[in-house]
Every structure is written in C-alpha cells, then in structure tokens.
Amino acid sequence: MKAPTLRPADVCRALLAALEASEGRRRKRKRDQTPDAFGLAVKRDLLRRAVEDDPRPEAFEEWLLNYPQTCKARELAGPAFAMARAVFEEWRLAHASAEFRLWLEQGAPSDDAADGISR
C-alpha cells in the first residue's frame, strides 16, 4: 500500500517545530553562533512561507527553486537557495523514511526542546 501524499505545509510545519527545538542545542554552544542564527533565520522564513503558501506536493520542488527569487534582500539569495535545497532533501526523506515521517507527525520531539524552554 502506498503511503498517503504528504502536504508540503504539513512537513514544513513539523520541520519548523524541529528547528525551534534545535535552539536549545544551539544555545549550549560556547562558540560564536552568529552564522548559525543567520542560517536558521533564513530556514525559519522559508518554512513559514511554505506553510502559508501551502504549495501542492507536485509543485513543491518548483516552489523551492523559486523561493530565493522572492527574498527582498539580494544578499539572501545564496543562503536561501542552500536552505531550499536542504528543505527539499528533508521533504524527500519524509517520503522515503517511515521513521522520519513518524517523528515529524509526532511533532518532532526533542530533548533539546526541553532544554531550550527551561533557560
């Protein structure tokens, strides 16, 4: 039996929850985290826009390819393209891996999320 088609908005909503959970781990690092924060901000914006736009599954790859062109700041096009590619790989993984899909469906639980909230 074929797995049900996932909506990009649903996958991106779960990835956004996982991204928020990763903030706990990022805060524990002792090095300069400015690049991490910048990359996460770009990815967060991409995921939020994907949730808002809710592209059709068959059009999601094209939506991701066009996303960097929608960035207002020209200097964000490169990082936006890199994050769009990463999200595409996570999108593909959600279809290929039942374990990853289940983790996303459970709200991407993470011990790091608890650590981030308690601080």
C-alpha atoms as a PDB file:
ATOM      1  CA  MET A   1       0.000   0.000   0.000  1.00  0.00           C
ATOM      2  CA  LYS A   2       1.315   3.428  -0.971  1.00  0.00           C
ATOM      3  CA  ALA A   3       1.859   5.990   1.802  1.00  0.00           C
ATOM      4  CA  PRO A   4      -0.527   8.945   1.674  1.00  0.00           C
ATOM      5  CA  THR A   5       0.757  12.016  -0.132  1.00  0.00           C
ATOM      6  CA  LEU A   6       2.165  14.498   2.318  1.00  0.00           C
ATOM      7  CA  ARG A   7       1.367  18.195   2.018  1.00  0.00           C
ATOM      8  CA  PRO A   8       4.448  20.434   1.929  1.00  0.00           C
ATOM      9  CA  ALA A   9       2.822  22.724   4.505  1.00  0.00           C
ATOM     10  CA  ASP A  10       2.438  19.836   6.955  1.00  0.00           C
ATOM     11  CA  VAL A  11       6.039  18.699   6.528  1.00  0.00           C
ATOM     12  CA  CYS A  12       7.319  22.287   6.795  1.00  0.00           C
ATOM     13  CA  ARG A  13       5.225  22.898   9.927  1.00  0.00           C
ATOM     14  CA  ALA A  14       6.854  19.857  11.548  1.00  0.00           C
ATOM     15  CA  LEU A  15      10.313  20.924  10.338  1.00  0.00           C
ATOM     16  CA  LEU A  16       9.658  24.339  11.861  1.00  0.00           C
ATOM     17  CA  ALA A  17       8.905  22.653  15.201  1.00  0.00           C
ATOM     18  CA  ALA A  18      12.156  20.692  14.908  1.00  0.00           C
ATOM     19  CA  LEU A  19      14.031  23.900  14.110  1.00  0.00           C
ATOM     20  CA  GLU A  20      12.617  25.586  17.191  1.00  0.00           C
ATOM     21  CA  ALA A  21      13.681  22.589  19.268  1.00  0.00           C
ATOM     22  CA  SER A  22      17.237  22.870  17.935  1.00  0.00           C
ATOM     23  CA  GLU A  23      17.530  26.304  19.533  1.00  0.00           C
ATOM     24  CA  GLY A  24      18.175  24.573  22.874  1.00  0.00           C
ATOM     25  CA  ARG A  25      21.216  22.801  21.469  1.00  0.00           C
ATOM     26  CA  ARG A  26      22.478  25.937  19.713  1.00  0.00           C
ATOM     27  CA  ARG A  27      22.322  27.970  22.922  1.00  0.00           C
ATOM     28  CA  LYS A  28      24.594  25.470  24.700  1.00  0.00           C
ATOM     29  CA  ARG A  29      27.477  26.005  22.290  1.00  0.00           C
ATOM     30  CA  LYS A  30      30.387  28.056  23.522  1.00  0.00           C
ATOM     31  CA  ARG A  31      31.463  29.454  20.127  1.00  0.00           C
ATOM     32  CA  ASP A  32      30.229  32.430  18.103  1.00  0.00           C
ATOM     33  CA  GLN A  33      26.828  31.406  16.810  1.00  0.00           C
ATOM     34  CA  THR A  34      26.077  34.344  14.551  1.00  0.00           C
ATOM     35  CA  PRO A  35      26.329  32.230  11.352  1.00  0.00           C
ATOM     36  CA  ASP A  36      24.083  29.567  12.904  1.00  0.00           C
ATOM     37  CA  ALA A  37      21.479  32.145  13.870  1.00  0.00           C
ATOM     38  CA  PHE A  38      21.600  33.690  10.388  1.00  0.00           C
ATOM     39  CA  GLY A  39      21.130  30.335   8.639  1.00  0.00           C
ATOM     40  CA  LEU A  40      18.341  29.333  10.995  1.00  0.00           C
ATOM     41  CA  ALA A  41      16.560  32.634  10.377  1.00  0.00           C
ATOM     42  CA  VAL A  42      16.663  32.031   6.617  1.00  0.00           C
ATOM     43  CA  LYS A  43      15.375  28.466   7.054  1.00  0.00           C
ATOM     44  CA  ARG A  44      12.684  29.603   9.501  1.00  0.00           C
ATOM     45  CA  ASP A  45      11.427  32.170   6.991  1.00  0.00           C
ATOM     46  CA  LEU A  46      11.391  29.592   4.193  1.00  0.00           C
ATOM     47  CA  LEU A  47       9.441  27.088   6.313  1.00  0.00           C
ATOM     48  CA  ARG A  48       6.941  29.717   7.478  1.00  0.00           C
ATOM     49  CA  ARG A  49       6.334  30.859   3.908  1.00  0.00           C
ATOM     50  CA  ALA A  50       5.859  27.268   2.744  1.00  0.00           C
ATOM     51  CA  VAL A  51       3.266  26.764   5.490  1.00  0.00           C
ATOM     52  CA  GLU A  52       1.486  29.985   4.469  1.00  0.00           C
ATOM     53  CA  ASP A  53       1.615  29.345   0.705  1.00  0.00           C
ATOM     54  CA  ASP A  54       0.791  25.627   1.045  1.00  0.00           C
ATOM     55  CA  PRO A  55       2.062  24.618  -2.416  1.00  0.00           C
ATOM     56  CA  ARG A  56       0.728  21.416  -3.968  1.00  0.00           C
ATOM     57  CA  PRO A  57       3.017  18.397  -3.451  1.00  0.00           C
ATOM     58  CA  GLU A  58       3.734  18.092  -7.179  1.00  0.00           C
ATOM     59  CA  ALA A  59       4.687  21.795  -7.343  1.00  0.00           C
ATOM     60  CA  PHE A  60       6.817  21.946  -4.189  1.00  0.00           C
ATOM     61  CA  GLU A  61      10.170  21.448  -5.889  1.00  0.00           C
ATOM     62  CA  GLU A  62       9.433  24.337  -8.256  1.00  0.00           C
ATOM     63  CA  TRP A  63       8.206  26.456  -5.313  1.00  0.00           C
ATOM     64  CA  LEU A  64      11.522  25.819  -3.546  1.00  0.00           C
ATOM     65  CA  LEU A  65      13.531  26.693  -6.666  1.00  0.00           C
ATOM     66  CA  ASN A  66      11.649  29.990  -6.945  1.00  0.00           C
ATOM     67  CA  TYR A  67      11.854  30.853  -3.241  1.00  0.00           C
ATOM     68  CA  PRO A  68      15.304  32.574  -3.395  1.00  0.00           C
ATOM     69  CA  GLN A  69      13.956  34.992  -6.025  1.00  0.00           C
ATOM     70  CA  THR A  70      11.309  36.143  -3.574  1.00  0.00           C
ATOM     71  CA  CYS A  71      13.838  37.295  -0.970  1.00  0.00           C
ATOM     72  CA  LYS A  72      13.805  41.057  -0.634  1.00  0.00           C
ATOM     73  CA  ALA A  73      17.473  41.324   0.238  1.00  0.00           C
ATOM     74  CA  ARG A  74      19.669  40.311  -2.699  1.00  0.00           C
ATOM     75  CA  GLU A  75      22.399  39.009  -0.410  1.00  0.00           C
ATOM     76  CA  LEU A  76      19.956  36.397   0.926  1.00  0.00           C
ATOM     77  CA  ALA A  77      19.568  34.639  -2.437  1.00  0.00           C
ATOM     78  CA  GLY A  78      22.565  32.322  -1.881  1.00  0.00           C
ATOM     79  CA  PRO A  79      21.660  31.287   1.664  1.00  0.00           C
ATOM     80  CA  ALA A  80      18.000  30.959   0.632  1.00  0.00           C
ATOM     81  CA  PHE A  81      18.940  28.625  -2.213  1.00  0.00           C
ATOM     82  CA  ALA A  82      21.055  26.500   0.155  1.00  0.00           C
ATOM     83  CA  MET A  83      18.189  26.262   2.644  1.00  0.00           C
ATOM     84  CA  ALA A  84      15.687  25.482  -0.122  1.00  0.00           C
ATOM     85  CA  ARG A  85      17.887  22.583  -1.156  1.00  0.00           C
ATOM     86  CA  ALA A  86      18.124  21.352   2.448  1.00  0.00           C
ATOM     87  CA  VAL A  87      14.343  21.535   2.846  1.00  0.00           C
ATOM     88  CA  PHE A  88      13.913  19.641  -0.433  1.00  0.00           C
ATOM     89  CA  GLU A  89      16.139  16.867   0.907  1.00  0.00           C
ATOM     90  CA  GLU A  90      14.108  16.751   4.134  1.00  0.00           C
ATOM     91  CA  TRP A  91      10.911  16.663   2.018  1.00  0.00           C
ATOM     92  CA  ARG A  92      12.275  13.673   0.119  1.00  0.00           C
ATOM     93  CA  LEU A  93      13.343  12.000   3.354  1.00  0.00           C
ATOM     94  CA  ALA A  94       9.828  12.416   4.759  1.00  0.00           C
ATOM     95  CA  HIS A  95       8.578  10.380   1.797  1.00  0.00           C
ATOM     96  CA  ALA A  96      11.342   7.778   1.855  1.00  0.00           C
ATOM     97  CA  SER A  97      11.644   7.102   5.590  1.00  0.00           C
ATOM     98  CA  ALA A  98       8.688   5.931   7.641  1.00  0.00           C
ATOM     99  CA  GLU A  99      10.661   6.635  10.835  1.00  0.00           C
ATOM    100  CA  PHE A 100      11.385  10.236   9.860  1.00  0.00           C
ATOM    101  CA  ARG A 101       7.768  10.743   8.780  1.00  0.00           C
ATOM    102  CA  LEU A 102       6.530   9.346  12.122  1.00  0.00           C
ATOM    103  CA  TRP A 103       8.913  11.640  14.028  1.00  0.00           C
ATOM    104  CA  LEU A 104       7.556  14.623  12.093  1.00  0.00           C
ATOM    105  CA  GLU A 105       3.953  13.526  12.669  1.00  0.00           C
ATOM    106  CA  GLN A 106       4.686  13.335  16.411  1.00  0.00           C
ATOM    107  CA  GLY A 107       5.729  16.980  16.356  1.00  0.00           C
ATOM    108  CA  ALA A 108       9.488  16.350  16.017  1.00  0.00           C
ATOM    109  CA  PRO A 109      10.041  15.675  19.731  1.00  0.00           C
ATOM    110  CA  SER A 110      13.499  16.517  21.031  1.00  0.00           C
ATOM    111  CA  ASP A 111      15.275  16.598  24.369  1.00  0.00           C
ATOM    112  CA  ASP A 112      16.845  19.842  23.148  1.00  0.00           C
ATOM    113  CA  ALA A 113      13.412  21.497  23.108  1.00  0.00           C
ATOM    114  CA  ALA A 114      13.003  20.947  26.833  1.00  0.00           C
ATOM    115  CA  ASP A 115      16.480  22.335  27.429  1.00  0.00           C
ATOM    116  CA  GLY A 116      15.692  25.432  25.380  1.00  0.00           C
ATOM    117  CA  ILE A 117      12.473  26.152  27.257  1.00  0.00           C
ATOM    118  CA  SER A 118      13.951  25.813  30.711  1.00  0.00           C
ATOM    119  CA  ARG A 119      16.549  28.528  30.109  1.00  0.00           C
END
